[in-house]
């Protein structure tokens, strides 16, 4: 609509000097992060810490606003971290802090050599750490997206997600989690202890498929049944085996 075109909220203002120093992607990213920070501050949704106030970033929202993919956002994070412009809260990739004073100093400063040095550090296309940051971000989103009414089982399922990402095949999708939960619910039928046992086995072995954990439980049950069955050997009495000294 025409009104949408005239709406200032649909525009991002980018400083030309910021583009020169940080590059286009990082400048667009920073401009939108400052907008998010401002809104979080007004709504009193900042995460207070000893070293300052952090705010949470909705990666999908940032992508919709800037067209920067998750990988590009995380690459910007890595580069901005190197110069101290951006900090991550307690290893939570989506909770960050910006050094506003540093940004203002760089934009307004006249130290050409410093600006050139900063520019080299923040324009690396594929900086180290992006893959790990992406994995951490995906892991966090998947854990927060699990729907479970029981707190104990929810924590167990989140622990299972961690075991997958810390295992030999660190990948899991939302669909895989939903399939796991459906199979878990169909098998346990509301039995919390059994559900926790299945998830525990899946966590220990880093099983993505719930059926593998269920099969271990069923196989264990079958072995127990076989061991509990005792066959009694029937012996037929013979003449030699009779005590002929006793007369009835």
Protein backbone atom coordinates (compact mmCIF):
# COMPACT_ATOMS: atom_id res chain seq x y z
CA UNK A 1 0.00 0.00 0.00
CA UNK A 2 1.02 3.62 -0.53
CA UNK A 3 0.86 4.30 3.20
CA UNK A 4 3.39 1.52 3.80
CA UNK A 5 5.81 3.23 1.44
CA UNK A 6 5.47 6.46 3.39
CA UNK A 7 5.89 4.77 6.77
CA UNK A 8 9.30 5.69 8.22
CA UNK A 9 9.34 2.36 10.13
CA UNK A 10 9.93 0.62 6.80
CA UNK A 11 13.24 2.42 6.29
CA UNK A 12 16.68 1.97 7.83
CA UNK A 13 18.97 4.97 8.20
CA UNK A 14 22.64 4.10 7.64
CA UNK A 15 25.59 6.38 8.31
CA UNK A 16 27.87 6.76 5.29
CA UNK A 17 31.00 6.78 7.45
CA UNK A 18 29.81 3.54 9.07
CA UNK A 19 29.69 1.90 5.63
CA UNK A 20 33.26 3.05 4.96
CA UNK A 21 34.51 1.66 8.27
CA UNK A 22 32.39 -1.45 8.83
CA UNK A 23 31.27 -2.35 5.32
CA UNK A 24 27.70 -2.41 4.02
CA UNK A 25 26.46 -5.62 5.69
CA UNK A 26 27.79 -4.75 9.14
CA UNK A 27 26.53 -1.16 8.85
CA UNK A 28 23.01 -2.28 7.95
CA UNK A 29 23.16 -4.87 10.72
CA UNK A 30 24.31 -2.35 13.32
CA UNK A 31 21.68 0.19 12.28
CA UNK A 32 18.90 -2.34 12.84
CA UNK A 33 20.45 -3.58 16.10
CA UNK A 34 20.42 -0.04 17.43
CA UNK A 35 16.72 0.15 16.59
CA UNK A 36 16.08 -3.12 18.44
CA UNK A 37 18.15 -1.93 21.40
CA UNK A 38 16.16 1.30 21.58
CA UNK A 39 12.84 -0.59 21.60
CA UNK A 40 14.09 -3.06 24.22
CA UNK A 41 15.19 -0.18 26.43
CA UNK A 42 11.84 1.62 26.12
CA UNK A 43 9.95 -1.59 26.91
CA UNK A 44 12.34 -2.36 29.79
CA UNK A 45 13.32 -5.73 28.31
CA UNK A 46 17.05 -5.38 28.72
CA UNK A 47 19.09 -8.13 30.37
CA UNK A 48 21.15 -6.42 33.08
CA UNK A 49 24.65 -7.71 33.80
CA UNK A 50 27.75 -6.47 35.61
CA UNK A 51 29.32 -5.23 32.38
CA UNK A 52 26.20 -3.52 31.02
CA UNK A 53 22.78 -4.08 29.51
CA UNK A 54 22.18 -6.78 26.91
CA UNK A 55 19.19 -7.35 24.65
CA UNK A 56 17.80 -10.33 22.80
CA UNK A 57 17.92 -10.52 19.01
CA UNK A 58 15.22 -12.17 16.92
CA UNK A 59 17.25 -13.45 13.99
CA UNK A 60 14.25 -13.96 11.74
CA UNK A 61 13.08 -10.40 12.39
CA UNK A 62 16.53 -9.04 11.54
CA UNK A 63 16.55 -11.07 8.33
CA UNK A 64 13.11 -9.77 7.35
CA UNK A 65 14.24 -6.20 7.97
CA UNK A 66 17.69 -6.36 6.38
CA UNK A 67 17.74 -9.49 4.15
CA UNK A 68 20.84 -10.60 6.08
CA UNK A 69 20.75 -14.36 6.54
CA UNK A 70 21.58 -16.01 9.86
CA UNK A 71 25.07 -16.84 8.57
CA UNK A 72 25.72 -13.21 7.58
CA UNK A 73 24.42 -11.93 10.92
CA UNK A 74 26.69 -14.30 12.81
CA UNK A 75 29.63 -13.34 10.60
CA UNK A 76 28.97 -9.71 11.56
CA UNK A 77 28.85 -10.76 15.22
CA UNK A 78 32.23 -12.46 14.98
CA UNK A 79 33.84 -9.49 13.25
CA UNK A 80 32.31 -6.92 15.61
CA UNK A 81 33.37 -9.00 18.62
CA UNK A 82 36.98 -8.81 17.49
CA UNK A 83 37.00 -5.03 17.92
CA UNK A 84 34.86 -4.98 21.08
CA UNK A 85 31.88 -3.34 19.39
CA UNK A 86 29.65 -6.27 20.26
CA UNK A 87 29.57 -8.67 23.22
CA UNK A 88 27.74 -11.96 23.73
CA UNK A 89 25.98 -12.63 27.02
CA UNK A 90 26.98 -15.86 28.79
CA UNK A 91 27.59 -17.73 25.51
CA UNK A 92 24.01 -17.05 24.40
CA UNK A 93 24.44 -16.14 20.74
CA UNK A 94 21.15 -14.24 20.52
CA UNK A 95 21.68 -12.04 23.58
CA UNK A 96 24.09 -9.22 22.82
CA UNK A 97 25.39 -5.85 23.91
CA UNK A 98 26.62 -2.97 21.74
CA UNK A 99 29.27 -0.44 22.67
CA UNK A 100 27.42 2.72 21.64
CA UNK A 101 30.21 5.03 22.76
CA UNK A 102 32.76 3.15 20.68
CA UNK A 103 30.49 3.36 17.63
CA UNK A 104 30.01 7.10 18.06
CA UNK A 105 33.76 7.61 18.61
CA UNK A 106 34.68 5.74 15.43
CA UNK A 107 32.09 7.56 13.32
CA UNK A 108 33.01 10.99 14.63
CA UNK A 109 36.74 10.36 15.00
CA UNK A 110 39.50 11.71 12.83
CA UNK A 111 42.02 8.93 13.45
CA UNK A 112 42.31 7.61 9.90
CA UNK A 113 44.78 4.85 10.78
CA UNK A 114 42.53 3.54 13.56
CA UNK A 115 39.53 3.53 11.22
CA UNK A 116 41.53 1.63 8.59
CA UNK A 117 42.68 -0.92 11.17
CA UNK A 118 39.11 -1.45 12.38
CA UNK A 119 37.88 -1.72 8.82
CA UNK A 120 40.25 -4.59 8.03
CA UNK A 121 39.09 -6.55 11.07
CA UNK A 122 35.35 -6.20 10.45
CA UNK A 123 35.26 -6.95 6.73
CA UNK A 124 36.29 -10.60 6.85
CA UNK A 125 33.70 -12.52 4.83
CA UNK A 126 33.99 -15.85 6.65
CA UNK A 127 35.48 -15.21 10.11
CA UNK A 128 36.27 -18.07 12.48
CA UNK A 129 33.53 -19.06 14.88
CA UNK A 130 30.53 -18.57 12.59
CA UNK A 131 29.82 -22.30 12.36
CA UNK A 132 29.86 -22.71 16.13
CA UNK A 133 27.71 -19.61 16.64
CA UNK A 134 25.18 -20.92 14.15
CA UNK A 135 25.09 -24.29 15.88
CA UNK A 136 24.58 -22.61 19.27
CA UNK A 137 21.85 -20.38 17.88
CA UNK A 138 19.99 -23.28 16.26
CA UNK A 139 20.37 -25.41 19.39
CA UNK A 140 18.93 -22.64 21.60
CA UNK A 141 15.97 -22.05 19.26
CA UNK A 142 15.14 -25.77 19.11
CA UNK A 143 15.28 -26.15 22.89
CA UNK A 144 13.05 -23.14 23.43
CA UNK A 145 10.62 -24.41 20.79
CA UNK A 146 9.90 -27.75 22.53
CA UNK A 147 6.30 -27.94 23.70
CA UNK A 148 5.87 -30.02 26.86
CA UNK A 149 3.58 -29.36 29.82
CA UNK A 150 5.70 -31.32 32.31
CA UNK A 151 8.73 -29.37 33.51
CA UNK A 152 10.80 -32.46 34.36
CA UNK A 153 10.23 -34.04 30.97
CA UNK A 154 10.85 -30.71 29.23
CA UNK A 155 14.25 -30.40 30.90
CA UNK A 156 15.03 -34.00 29.93
CA UNK A 157 14.11 -33.31 26.29
CA UNK A 158 16.29 -30.20 26.25
CA UNK A 159 19.12 -32.28 27.65
CA UNK A 160 18.54 -34.75 24.82
CA UNK A 161 18.87 -31.91 22.29
CA UNK A 162 22.18 -30.93 23.89
CA UNK A 163 23.40 -34.53 23.62
CA UNK A 164 22.70 -34.51 19.88
CA UNK A 165 24.56 -31.25 19.26
CA UNK A 166 27.45 -32.42 21.42
CA UNK A 167 27.50 -35.82 19.71
CA UNK A 168 29.07 -37.17 16.52
CA UNK A 169 26.27 -35.86 14.28
CA UNK A 170 25.45 -32.36 15.61
CA UNK A 171 22.30 -31.62 13.64
CA UNK A 172 18.64 -31.75 14.55
CA UNK A 173 15.54 -30.22 13.00
CA UNK A 174 12.25 -29.06 14.50
CA UNK A 175 10.48 -31.79 12.55
CA UNK A 176 12.75 -34.47 14.02
CA UNK A 177 11.95 -33.27 17.53
CA UNK A 178 8.22 -33.39 16.83
CA UNK A 179 8.51 -36.96 15.46
CA UNK A 180 10.56 -37.97 18.52
CA UNK A 181 7.91 -36.56 20.88
CA UNK A 182 5.04 -38.21 18.99
CA UNK A 183 6.71 -41.62 19.15
CA UNK A 184 7.54 -41.05 22.81
CA UNK A 185 3.94 -40.15 23.66
CA UNK A 186 2.51 -43.06 21.68
CA UNK A 187 4.76 -45.53 23.49
CA UNK A 188 4.58 -44.20 27.06
CA UNK A 189 0.88 -43.19 27.02
CA UNK A 190 1.25 -40.72 29.89
CA UNK A 191 3.67 -42.79 31.99
CA UNK A 192 6.14 -40.08 33.11
CA UNK A 193 8.72 -42.47 34.57
CA UNK A 194 8.78 -44.50 31.38
CA UNK A 195 9.02 -41.35 29.25
CA UNK A 196 11.96 -40.10 31.32
CA UNK A 197 13.65 -43.49 30.95
CA UNK A 198 13.27 -43.44 27.16
CA UNK A 199 14.64 -39.89 26.94
CA UNK A 200 17.50 -40.83 29.27
CA UNK A 201 18.52 -43.70 27.00
CA UNK A 202 18.23 -41.51 23.91
CA UNK A 203 20.38 -38.88 25.64
CA UNK A 204 23.09 -41.32 26.73
CA UNK A 205 23.42 -42.76 23.22
CA UNK A 206 22.66 -39.50 21.34
CA UNK A 207 19.77 -41.20 19.52
CA UNK A 208 17.82 -38.94 17.19
CA UNK A 209 15.22 -41.65 16.58
CA UNK A 210 13.05 -42.42 19.61
CA UNK A 211 12.44 -45.96 18.33
CA UNK A 212 16.06 -46.90 18.98
CA UNK A 213 15.66 -46.07 22.68
CA UNK A 214 12.31 -47.87 22.80
CA UNK A 215 13.84 -50.97 21.19
CA UNK A 216 16.52 -51.08 23.89
CA UNK A 217 13.85 -51.03 26.58
CA UNK A 218 11.78 -53.72 24.87
CA UNK A 219 14.82 -55.94 24.30
CA UNK A 220 15.74 -55.55 27.96
CA UNK A 221 12.23 -56.60 28.96
CA UNK A 222 12.40 -59.70 26.76
CA UNK A 223 15.73 -60.76 28.26
CA UNK A 224 14.33 -60.37 31.75
CA UNK A 225 11.32 -62.55 30.88
CA UNK A 226 13.55 -65.27 29.42
CA UNK A 227 15.80 -65.28 32.47
CA UNK A 228 12.84 -65.55 34.85
CA UNK A 229 11.47 -68.66 33.15
CA UNK A 230 12.81 -71.83 34.75
CA UNK A 231 12.28 -75.25 33.14
CA UNK A 232 12.04 -78.18 35.52
CA UNK A 233 13.53 -81.41 34.29
CA UNK A 234 11.09 -84.27 34.79
CA UNK A 235 12.74 -87.59 35.70
CA UNK A 236 10.96 -90.98 35.46
CA UNK A 237 11.46 -93.31 38.45
CA UNK A 238 13.08 -96.69 37.66
CA UNK A 239 13.16 -99.97 39.53
CA UNK A 240 16.78 -99.38 40.49
CA UNK A 241 15.88 -96.07 41.98
CA UNK A 242 13.29 -97.48 44.36
CA UNK A 243 14.15 -98.11 48.03
CA UNK A 244 12.94 -101.73 48.49
CA UNK A 245 13.76 -101.78 52.17
CA UNK A 246 10.78 -99.67 53.03
CA UNK A 247 7.51 -101.50 53.19
CA UNK A 248 4.31 -99.49 53.14
